[in-house]
Amino acid sequence: MSSVIDENKYYGGEQDVTDVVKVKLYPTNEQKCKINQNIGNRGFIWNKMLRKIKCEKVKPTMKNLNKILKELQIEYPFLKNSESSSRQQVFIDLIQAYNKHKKEGRGFPKFKTRKNSNSSFRIQANNNNIRLNERKNRIQVPTIGKIKFKTSKEHKQKIEESKINNITIKYENGIYYGIININTKHTPMKHHFEAIGIDIGIKRPLTCSDGLKIEELNLIKEEKNIKHYQREMSKKEPGSKHFLIAQKKYWKAINKKINKKNDYWHKITHDIVKNNQIIALERLNIKGWFKNNRWAPKLQRISLYEILRQLKYKSERNNRKIIQVGRFFPSSQKCSNCGYQYHNLKLGEEDWTCPECGKHHDRDLNASINIKNEGLRLITEKIIKIIPVGYCHGLRCAGIGSKILTFHSSKSMLINRESPTS
């Protein structure tokens, strides 16, 4: 995220942003066949191209894969039943997945299987081919037709007033969704003269420097239901009437768990971003944590990557500043009162008393306060490097004092909200 804060946008002006609206689709049986055909064709093209890359060592470039796509369309005429941009989107996604493997060290792209219950395809908008119809409860999609959908009035109005870039139709746990990518206007939240430090952990997901402790969401009931319906499905013949009934209940239990968790974290991250201008976080090796077999199941339930993703995109959209302190910063060992470092702190020790000043610390709360202080120190150092000497009197701003500073690193100058020329 860029550290440059635009003066006009910072005070609440509208911004052009790319947003996503997820709607629930209710296709007819004929439309379901067409959607499933598009999903199947996407998987077929993906597997053929991936086999060329893996076995025949074809270099995954736009030119090479586009050539393979043309050959496939001649050899397999049924592929032309899919919308043209959805076919082209396959090799764009494949190149992206391959580049992530090479540059970011992620896993090599995998072959698509029919067993995967979460499948999708994407269609690009062109010449108003994706639009809401006059009745406004149906969306026109190329090769499929007018699909009935349901969403809130606010989301429906947002789609109407925005430019549609593309739509991804997804089949997930027995439900069809339309994920509509749009260009829209967004008014940032009002700036709030507060800074916060957040300690991220496994036992307690988030501990904030203002004393707020956010516990893990209780999903015992939902997980119990999921296991129950899994056992019910295992006792029935796959594809039978009773198997399908149990499968629907299983999907319903999974969706309930996902929706409950998403709602919980969206509310918490919204509240944090709304009430704080500067958010200091740790730079953690979450990938390394997953290698611990005892921690992995709990990390899966907490969804730390999703929490961080929400904090980052919401902060960027609302002109908040996120700063991450170093991975090896001793946030738990350092006394937030006097600065003494307690080297003998053990992993399971939840509280400790500073031998220097006698202050008793809650481990996570102390860590969050240290993260906040370190984040503010890093911001102050950054401001000192980019501003002329004559402007240094304003350093109590930037979230440390009662004021907030905006700064432009490209111009190497500081803009004080109250006295820009002083």
Protein backbone atom coordinates (compact mmCIF):
# COMPACT_ATOMS: atom_id res chain seq x y z
CA MET A 1 0.00 0.00 0.00
CA SER A 2 1.30 3.45 -0.89
CA SER A 3 2.38 5.77 1.94
CA VAL A 4 1.31 8.86 -0.01
CA ILE A 5 -1.89 10.37 1.36
CA ASP A 6 -3.70 12.75 -0.98
CA GLU A 7 -4.88 15.93 0.78
CA ASN A 8 -8.23 16.15 -1.05
CA LYS A 9 -9.10 12.47 -0.65
CA TYR A 10 -8.00 12.51 3.00
CA TYR A 11 -10.74 14.94 3.98
CA GLY A 12 -13.54 12.75 2.71
CA GLY A 13 -13.75 13.36 -1.05
CA GLU A 14 -15.17 10.61 -3.27
CA GLN A 15 -12.72 8.12 -4.74
CA ASP A 16 -12.95 5.88 -7.78
CA VAL A 17 -12.52 2.32 -6.53
CA THR A 18 -12.91 -1.21 -7.85
CA ASP A 19 -15.44 -3.09 -5.76
CA VAL A 20 -17.07 -6.52 -5.77
CA VAL A 21 -20.73 -7.35 -5.16
CA LYS A 22 -21.64 -10.98 -4.49
CA VAL A 23 -25.23 -11.94 -5.34
CA LYS A 24 -27.11 -15.23 -5.02
CA LEU A 25 -28.29 -16.62 -8.37
CA TYR A 26 -31.43 -18.66 -9.05
CA PRO A 27 -30.90 -20.13 -12.54
CA THR A 28 -33.48 -22.30 -14.30
CA ASN A 29 -32.66 -25.93 -15.11
CA GLU A 30 -31.70 -24.94 -18.67
CA GLN A 31 -29.44 -22.16 -17.37
CA LYS A 32 -27.86 -24.56 -14.86
CA CYS A 33 -26.89 -26.85 -17.77
CA LYS A 34 -25.26 -23.91 -19.60
CA ILE A 35 -23.42 -22.77 -16.44
CA ASN A 36 -22.17 -26.30 -15.76
CA GLN A 37 -21.06 -26.59 -19.40
CA ASN A 38 -19.05 -23.35 -19.08
CA ILE A 39 -17.47 -24.60 -15.85
CA GLY A 40 -16.65 -27.95 -17.48
CA ASN A 41 -15.14 -26.31 -20.57
CA ARG A 42 -12.98 -24.08 -18.38
CA GLY A 43 -11.62 -27.11 -16.52
CA PHE A 44 -11.07 -28.98 -19.80
CA ILE A 45 -9.06 -26.10 -21.37
CA TRP A 46 -7.08 -25.59 -18.13
CA ASN A 47 -6.07 -29.28 -17.93
CA LYS A 48 -5.07 -29.46 -21.62
CA MET A 49 -2.89 -26.32 -21.32
CA LEU A 50 -1.38 -27.40 -18.01
CA ARG A 51 -0.46 -30.79 -19.51
CA LYS A 52 1.34 -28.96 -22.36
CA ILE A 53 3.27 -26.87 -19.80
CA LYS A 54 4.08 -29.79 -17.50
CA CYS A 55 4.76 -32.60 -19.95
CA GLU A 56 5.80 -30.89 -23.19
CA LYS A 57 7.63 -28.00 -21.44
CA VAL A 58 5.69 -25.30 -23.33
CA LYS A 59 6.54 -21.84 -22.01
CA PRO A 60 3.36 -20.30 -20.49
CA THR A 61 3.11 -17.03 -22.44
CA MET A 62 0.03 -15.29 -23.86
CA LYS A 63 1.16 -16.06 -27.42
CA ASN A 64 1.80 -19.78 -26.83
CA LEU A 65 -1.35 -20.46 -24.82
CA ASN A 66 -3.55 -18.48 -27.21
CA LYS A 67 -2.22 -20.64 -30.04
CA ILE A 68 -3.03 -23.81 -28.03
CA LEU A 69 -6.56 -22.47 -27.36
CA LYS A 70 -7.21 -21.98 -31.10
CA GLU A 71 -6.05 -25.54 -31.80
CA LEU A 72 -8.31 -26.90 -29.04
CA GLN A 73 -11.33 -25.05 -30.43
CA ILE A 74 -10.79 -26.65 -33.84
CA GLU A 75 -10.23 -30.12 -32.36
CA TYR A 76 -13.11 -29.89 -29.83
CA PRO A 77 -16.00 -27.84 -31.36
CA PHE A 78 -18.08 -28.04 -28.14
CA LEU A 79 -15.71 -25.48 -26.55
CA LYS A 80 -17.29 -22.79 -28.76
CA ASN A 81 -20.50 -23.11 -26.73
CA SER A 82 -18.70 -21.16 -23.98
CA GLU A 83 -18.46 -17.36 -24.16
CA SER A 84 -15.22 -16.28 -25.92
CA SER A 85 -13.84 -14.13 -23.07
CA SER A 86 -14.36 -16.98 -20.57
CA ARG A 87 -12.18 -19.24 -22.76
CA GLN A 88 -9.45 -16.59 -22.96
CA GLN A 89 -9.67 -15.99 -19.22
CA VAL A 90 -8.48 -19.56 -18.61
CA PHE A 91 -4.95 -19.02 -19.91
CA ILE A 92 -4.76 -15.58 -18.23
CA ASP A 93 -5.50 -17.26 -14.87
CA LEU A 94 -3.07 -20.10 -15.66
CA ILE A 95 -0.23 -17.66 -16.44
CA GLN A 96 -0.98 -15.81 -13.22
CA ALA A 97 -0.92 -19.05 -11.19
CA TYR A 98 2.36 -20.12 -12.83
CA ASN A 99 4.00 -16.73 -12.14
CA LYS A 100 2.98 -16.96 -8.47
CA HIS A 101 4.66 -20.37 -8.35
CA LYS A 102 7.88 -19.02 -9.87
CA LYS A 103 8.11 -15.62 -8.15
CA GLU A 104 6.35 -16.12 -4.82
CA GLY A 105 7.20 -19.79 -4.21
CA ARG A 106 3.57 -20.98 -4.21
CA GLY A 107 2.56 -24.49 -5.27
CA PHE A 108 2.60 -25.52 -8.92
CA PRO A 109 -0.84 -25.13 -10.61
CA LYS A 110 -3.01 -28.24 -10.16
CA PHE A 111 -5.30 -30.08 -12.54
CA LYS A 112 -9.05 -29.44 -12.17
CA THR A 113 -11.26 -32.33 -11.03
CA ARG A 114 -15.01 -32.91 -11.09
CA LYS A 115 -14.96 -33.77 -7.40
CA ASN A 116 -14.22 -30.15 -6.48
CA SER A 117 -17.51 -28.64 -5.23
CA ASN A 118 -16.27 -25.06 -5.75
CA SER A 119 -16.00 -24.27 -9.47
CA SER A 120 -16.30 -21.04 -11.45
CA PHE A 121 -15.78 -19.19 -14.73
CA ARG A 122 -15.44 -15.50 -15.58
CA ILE A 123 -16.95 -13.43 -18.41
CA GLN A 124 -15.58 -9.98 -19.28
CA ALA A 125 -18.02 -7.11 -19.87
CA ASN A 126 -17.97 -5.70 -23.41
CA ASN A 127 -20.50 -3.43 -25.18
CA ASN A 128 -22.96 -3.65 -22.28
CA ASN A 129 -23.28 -7.44 -22.64
CA ILE A 130 -23.56 -7.81 -18.83
CA ARG A 131 -26.36 -5.67 -17.40
CA LEU A 132 -29.43 -5.60 -15.19
CA ASN A 133 -32.71 -5.85 -17.10
CA GLU A 134 -35.76 -3.59 -16.71
CA ARG A 135 -37.23 -5.66 -13.89
CA LYS A 136 -33.94 -5.22 -11.99
CA ASN A 137 -34.10 -8.64 -10.37
CA ARG A 138 -32.44 -10.39 -13.31
CA ILE A 139 -28.98 -10.00 -14.77
CA GLN A 140 -28.22 -10.52 -18.46
CA VAL A 141 -25.19 -12.78 -19.01
CA PRO A 142 -23.86 -13.78 -22.48
CA THR A 143 -24.63 -17.37 -23.65
CA ILE A 144 -26.74 -17.98 -20.51
CA GLY A 145 -29.51 -15.36 -20.64
CA LYS A 146 -31.37 -13.50 -17.92
CA ILE A 147 -30.62 -15.05 -14.53
CA LYS A 148 -32.74 -14.27 -11.49
CA PHE A 149 -30.76 -13.04 -8.48
CA LYS A 150 -31.27 -11.71 -4.96
CA THR A 151 -29.29 -9.13 -3.00
CA SER A 152 -29.89 -6.07 -0.79
CA LYS A 153 -31.37 -2.81 -2.14
CA GLU A 154 -28.07 -1.01 -1.49
CA HIS A 155 -26.08 -3.53 -3.52
CA LYS A 156 -28.64 -3.52 -6.32
CA GLN A 157 -28.47 0.27 -6.52
CA LYS A 158 -24.66 0.15 -6.49
CA ILE A 159 -24.65 -2.23 -9.47
CA GLU A 160 -27.09 0.00 -11.38
CA GLU A 161 -25.02 3.15 -10.83
CA SER A 162 -21.62 1.54 -11.57
CA LYS A 163 -19.73 0.26 -14.55
CA ILE A 164 -19.53 -3.55 -14.67
CA ASN A 165 -16.07 -4.93 -15.51
CA ASN A 166 -16.76 -8.67 -15.36
CA ILE A 167 -18.85 -11.33 -13.67
CA THR A 168 -17.62 -14.57 -12.12
CA ILE A 169 -20.29 -17.25 -11.83
CA LYS A 170 -19.39 -19.65 -9.05
CA TYR A 171 -20.89 -22.91 -7.88
CA GLU A 172 -20.09 -23.27 -4.19
CA ASN A 173 -21.55 -25.82 -1.79
CA GLY A 174 -24.73 -26.35 -3.80
CA ILE A 175 -25.39 -22.62 -4.44
CA TYR A 176 -24.78 -20.51 -7.55
CA TYR A 177 -23.25 -17.07 -6.94
CA GLY A 178 -22.57 -14.14 -9.22
CA ILE A 179 -19.49 -12.12 -8.21
CA ILE A 180 -19.79 -8.81 -10.05
CA ASN A 181 -16.66 -6.66 -10.39
CA ILE A 182 -17.57 -2.95 -10.73
CA ASN A 183 -16.03 0.51 -10.88
CA THR A 184 -17.82 2.68 -8.34
CA LYS A 185 -17.50 5.75 -6.11
CA HIS A 186 -16.52 5.43 -2.47
CA THR A 187 -16.62 8.08 0.27
CA PRO A 188 -13.89 7.36 2.87
CA MET A 189 -14.67 7.31 6.57
CA LYS A 190 -14.01 10.47 8.58
CA HIS A 191 -10.46 10.62 9.91
CA HIS A 192 -10.10 9.67 13.56
CA PHE A 193 -7.26 11.00 15.70
CA GLU A 194 -6.23 7.67 17.21
CA ALA A 195 -3.49 5.07 16.74
CA ILE A 196 -3.69 1.41 17.72
CA GLY A 197 -1.31 -1.52 18.01
CA ILE A 198 -2.58 -5.06 17.41
CA ASP A 199 -0.91 -8.22 18.69
CA ILE A 200 -1.86 -11.28 16.63
CA GLY A 201 -1.81 -14.65 18.33
CA ILE A 202 -3.11 -18.20 18.24
CA LYS A 203 -4.78 -18.50 21.64
CA ARG A 204 -6.41 -15.07 21.23
CA PRO A 205 -6.57 -13.85 17.60
CA LEU A 206 -6.34 -10.10 18.28
CA THR A 207 -5.31 -8.05 21.31
CA CYS A 208 -5.48 -4.26 20.88
CA SER A 209 -3.42 -1.63 22.69
CA ASP A 210 -6.62 0.10 23.90
CA GLY A 211 -7.44 -2.99 26.01
CA LEU A 212 -9.84 -4.68 23.57
CA LYS A 213 -9.34 -8.47 23.47
CA ILE A 214 -10.98 -10.31 20.59
CA GLU A 215 -11.52 -14.00 21.23
CA GLU A 216 -11.96 -16.78 18.69
CA LEU A 217 -15.51 -17.14 17.38
CA ASN A 218 -17.38 -20.10 18.87
CA LEU A 219 -18.14 -22.44 15.95
CA ILE A 220 -18.49 -25.69 17.93
CA LYS A 221 -22.17 -26.15 17.02
CA GLU A 222 -21.56 -25.58 13.28
CA GLU A 223 -18.55 -27.94 13.21
CA LYS A 224 -20.55 -30.59 15.07
CA ASN A 225 -23.31 -30.37 12.43
CA ILE A 226 -20.79 -30.61 9.59
CA LYS A 227 -19.27 -33.79 11.08
CA HIS A 228 -22.73 -35.27 11.63
CA TYR A 229 -23.77 -34.80 7.99
CA GLN A 230 -20.41 -36.09 6.79
CA ARG A 231 -21.10 -39.33 8.69
CA GLU A 232 -24.63 -39.45 7.23
CA MET A 233 -23.25 -39.12 3.68
CA SER A 234 -20.63 -41.84 4.28
CA LYS A 235 -23.39 -44.34 5.16
CA LYS A 236 -25.33 -43.77 1.93
CA GLU A 237 -24.66 -44.74 -1.66
CA PRO A 238 -23.18 -41.78 -3.62
CA GLY A 239 -25.74 -40.33 -6.03
CA SER A 240 -28.76 -41.88 -4.34
CA LYS A 241 -31.80 -39.86 -3.21
CA HIS A 242 -30.91 -40.04 0.50
CA PHE A 243 -27.28 -39.19 -0.24
CA LEU A 244 -28.33 -36.00 -2.07
CA ILE A 245 -30.62 -34.99 0.83
CA ALA A 246 -27.74 -35.43 3.31
CA GLN A 247 -25.39 -33.58 0.94
CA LYS A 248 -27.73 -30.55 0.82
CA LYS A 249 -27.82 -30.45 4.63
CA TYR A 250 -24.02 -30.76 4.71
CA TRP A 251 -23.59 -27.85 2.28
CA LYS A 252 -26.07 -25.78 4.29
CA ALA A 253 -24.06 -26.38 7.49
CA ILE A 254 -20.80 -25.37 5.75
CA ASN A 255 -22.36 -22.17 4.34
CA LYS A 256 -23.72 -21.27 7.78
CA LYS A 257 -20.25 -21.62 9.30
CA ILE A 258 -18.59 -19.56 6.53
CA ASN A 259 -21.20 -16.78 6.69
CA LYS A 260 -21.04 -16.57 10.48
CA LYS A 261 -17.23 -16.30 10.45
CA ASN A 262 -17.17 -13.73 7.62
CA ASP A 263 -19.79 -11.58 9.36
CA TYR A 264 -17.84 -11.71 12.65
CA TRP A 265 -14.52 -10.60 11.17
CA HIS A 266 -16.01 -7.97 8.85
CA LYS A 267 -17.68 -6.26 11.82
CA ILE A 268 -14.49 -6.32 13.91
CA THR A 269 -12.15 -5.08 11.15
CA HIS A 270 -14.67 -2.36 10.18
CA ASP A 271 -14.75 -1.14 13.79
CA ILE A 272 -10.92 -1.09 14.06
CA VAL A 273 -10.48 0.84 10.80
CA LYS A 274 -13.30 3.26 11.62
CA ASN A 275 -11.92 4.26 15.04
CA ASN A 276 -8.18 4.47 14.25
CA GLN A 277 -6.11 6.49 11.80
CA ILE A 278 -2.87 4.53 12.28
CA ILE A 279 -2.86 0.73 12.70
CA ALA A 280 0.38 -0.98 13.73
CA LEU A 281 0.73 -4.73 13.13
CA GLU A 282 3.40 -7.40 13.40
CA ARG A 283 5.02 -8.83 10.28
CA LEU A 284 4.41 -12.51 11.00
CA ASN A 285 5.50 -15.76 9.37
CA ILE A 286 2.00 -17.32 9.29
CA LYS A 287 3.12 -19.80 6.64
CA GLY A 288 5.72 -21.14 9.09
CA TRP A 289 3.09 -21.42 11.83
CA PHE A 290 1.07 -23.78 9.63
CA LYS A 291 3.97 -26.24 9.65
CA ASN A 292 3.27 -26.89 13.32
CA ASN A 293 0.69 -29.70 13.36
CA ARG A 294 -0.73 -28.58 16.73
CA TRP A 295 -1.31 -25.00 15.59
CA ALA A 296 -2.51 -25.64 12.03
CA PRO A 297 -6.15 -26.65 12.82
CA LYS A 298 -6.71 -23.59 15.01
CA LEU A 299 -5.06 -21.27 12.46
CA GLN A 300 -7.45 -22.72 9.87
CA ARG A 301 -10.43 -21.81 12.05
CA ILE A 302 -9.18 -18.31 12.88
CA SER A 303 -8.32 -17.34 9.26
CA LEU A 304 -5.48 -14.91 10.05
CA TYR A 305 -4.76 -14.25 6.37
CA GLU A 306 -8.37 -13.13 5.89
CA ILE A 307 -8.20 -10.81 8.94
CA LEU A 308 -5.03 -9.14 7.63
CA ARG A 309 -6.48 -8.88 4.10
CA GLN A 310 -9.60 -7.12 5.41
CA LEU A 311 -7.59 -4.71 7.55
CA LYS A 312 -5.31 -3.80 4.64
CA TYR A 313 -7.93 -3.20 1.95
CA LYS A 314 -10.29 -1.34 4.29
CA SER A 315 -7.42 0.85 5.52
CA GLU A 316 -6.30 1.66 1.98
CA ARG A 317 -9.85 2.48 0.89
CA ASN A 318 -10.46 4.81 3.87
CA ASN A 319 -7.07 6.58 3.89
CA ARG A 320 -5.82 4.85 7.03
CA LYS A 321 -2.15 4.10 7.52
CA ILE A 322 -1.05 0.53 8.22
CA ILE A 323 2.51 0.02 9.39
CA GLN A 324 4.10 -3.36 10.12
CA VAL A 325 6.92 -3.66 12.64
CA GLY A 326 9.82 -6.07 12.07
CA ARG A 327 9.29 -9.81 12.47
CA PHE A 328 11.99 -10.06 15.17
CA PHE A 329 10.90 -7.03 17.21
CA PRO A 330 10.67 -8.28 20.88
CA SER A 331 7.13 -7.01 21.46
CA SER A 332 6.30 -9.55 24.21
CA GLN A 333 9.65 -9.34 26.04
CA LYS A 334 9.90 -5.55 26.20
CA CYS A 335 8.38 -3.63 29.14
CA SER A 336 6.04 -0.97 27.75
CA ASN A 337 6.56 1.13 30.89
CA CYS A 338 10.37 1.40 31.19
CA GLY A 339 11.77 -0.38 28.11
CA TYR A 340 13.47 -3.27 29.97
CA GLN A 341 13.77 -6.48 27.91
CA TYR A 342 12.86 -9.68 29.77
CA HIS A 343 14.86 -12.36 27.90
CA ASN A 344 13.64 -15.29 30.02
CA LEU A 345 9.99 -15.02 28.93
CA LYS A 346 8.68 -18.50 28.02
CA LEU A 347 6.14 -19.37 25.33
CA GLY A 348 3.33 -20.37 27.73
CA GLU A 349 3.86 -17.44 30.14
CA GLU A 350 0.74 -15.26 29.89
CA ASP A 351 1.83 -12.52 32.30
CA TRP A 352 5.06 -11.30 33.88
CA THR A 353 6.38 -8.62 36.23
CA CYS A 354 9.16 -6.27 35.12
CA PRO A 355 12.17 -6.66 37.48
CA GLU A 356 13.28 -3.11 36.65
CA CYS A 357 10.15 -1.04 37.41
CA GLY A 358 7.87 -3.63 39.08
CA LYS A 359 5.07 -3.21 36.52
CA HIS A 360 2.89 -6.33 36.07
CA HIS A 361 2.12 -7.04 32.41
CA ASP A 362 -0.47 -9.05 30.53
CA ARG A 363 1.70 -10.61 27.82
CA ASP A 364 -0.55 -9.86 24.81
CA LEU A 365 -1.65 -6.39 25.97
CA ASN A 366 1.95 -5.40 26.67
CA ALA A 367 2.95 -6.65 23.20
CA SER A 368 0.20 -4.61 21.50
CA ILE A 369 1.30 -1.42 23.31
CA ASN A 370 4.91 -2.03 22.24
CA ILE A 371 3.79 -2.63 18.64
CA LYS A 372 1.87 0.66 18.69
CA ASN A 373 4.87 2.59 20.07
CA GLU A 374 7.24 0.97 17.57
CA GLY A 375 4.85 1.74 14.70
CA LEU A 376 4.64 5.41 15.69
CA ARG A 377 8.44 5.52 16.00
CA LEU A 378 8.85 4.13 12.47
CA ILE A 379 6.37 6.69 11.10
CA THR A 380 8.22 9.51 12.90
CA GLU A 381 11.55 8.35 11.43
CA LYS A 382 10.04 8.25 7.97
CA ILE A 383 8.70 11.80 8.34
CA ILE A 384 12.09 13.04 9.59
CA LYS A 385 13.76 11.65 6.45
CA ILE A 386 11.38 13.27 3.98
CA ILE A 387 10.74 16.75 5.44
CA PRO A 388 12.98 19.85 5.46
CA VAL A 389 14.55 20.91 8.76
CA GLY A 390 12.23 23.90 9.17
CA TYR A 391 9.17 21.66 9.41
CA CYS A 392 10.40 19.33 12.18
CA HIS A 393 8.40 21.14 14.87
CA GLY A 394 5.28 19.35 13.61
CA LEU A 395 6.44 15.82 14.50
CA ARG A 396 4.07 15.60 17.42
CA CYS A 397 1.41 15.11 14.75
CA ALA A 398 1.33 11.87 12.69
CA GLY A 399 -0.89 10.26 15.30
CA ILE A 400 1.39 10.91 18.30
CA GLY A 401 -0.21 14.14 19.53
CA SER A 402 -3.56 15.79 19.06
CA LYS A 403 -3.11 16.49 15.33
CA ILE A 404 -2.73 14.36 12.24
CA LEU A 405 -0.23 15.09 9.47
CA THR A 406 -0.57 14.30 5.80
CA PHE A 407 2.63 14.11 3.79
CA HIS A 408 3.77 13.68 0.20
CA SER A 409 6.98 11.68 -0.03
CA SER A 410 7.43 12.57 -3.72
CA LYS A 411 7.65 16.30 -2.96
CA SER A 412 9.64 15.87 0.28
CA MET A 413 7.41 18.23 2.19
CA LEU A 414 5.05 18.11 5.13
CA ILE A 415 1.50 19.49 5.03
CA ASN A 416 0.21 20.50 8.46
CA ARG A 417 -3.56 20.49 8.71
CA GLU A 418 -3.75 23.67 10.85
CA SER A 419 -0.77 25.75 9.74
CA PRO A 420 0.67 24.59 6.39
CA THR A 421 3.10 27.48 6.06
CA SER A 422 4.36 27.69 9.64
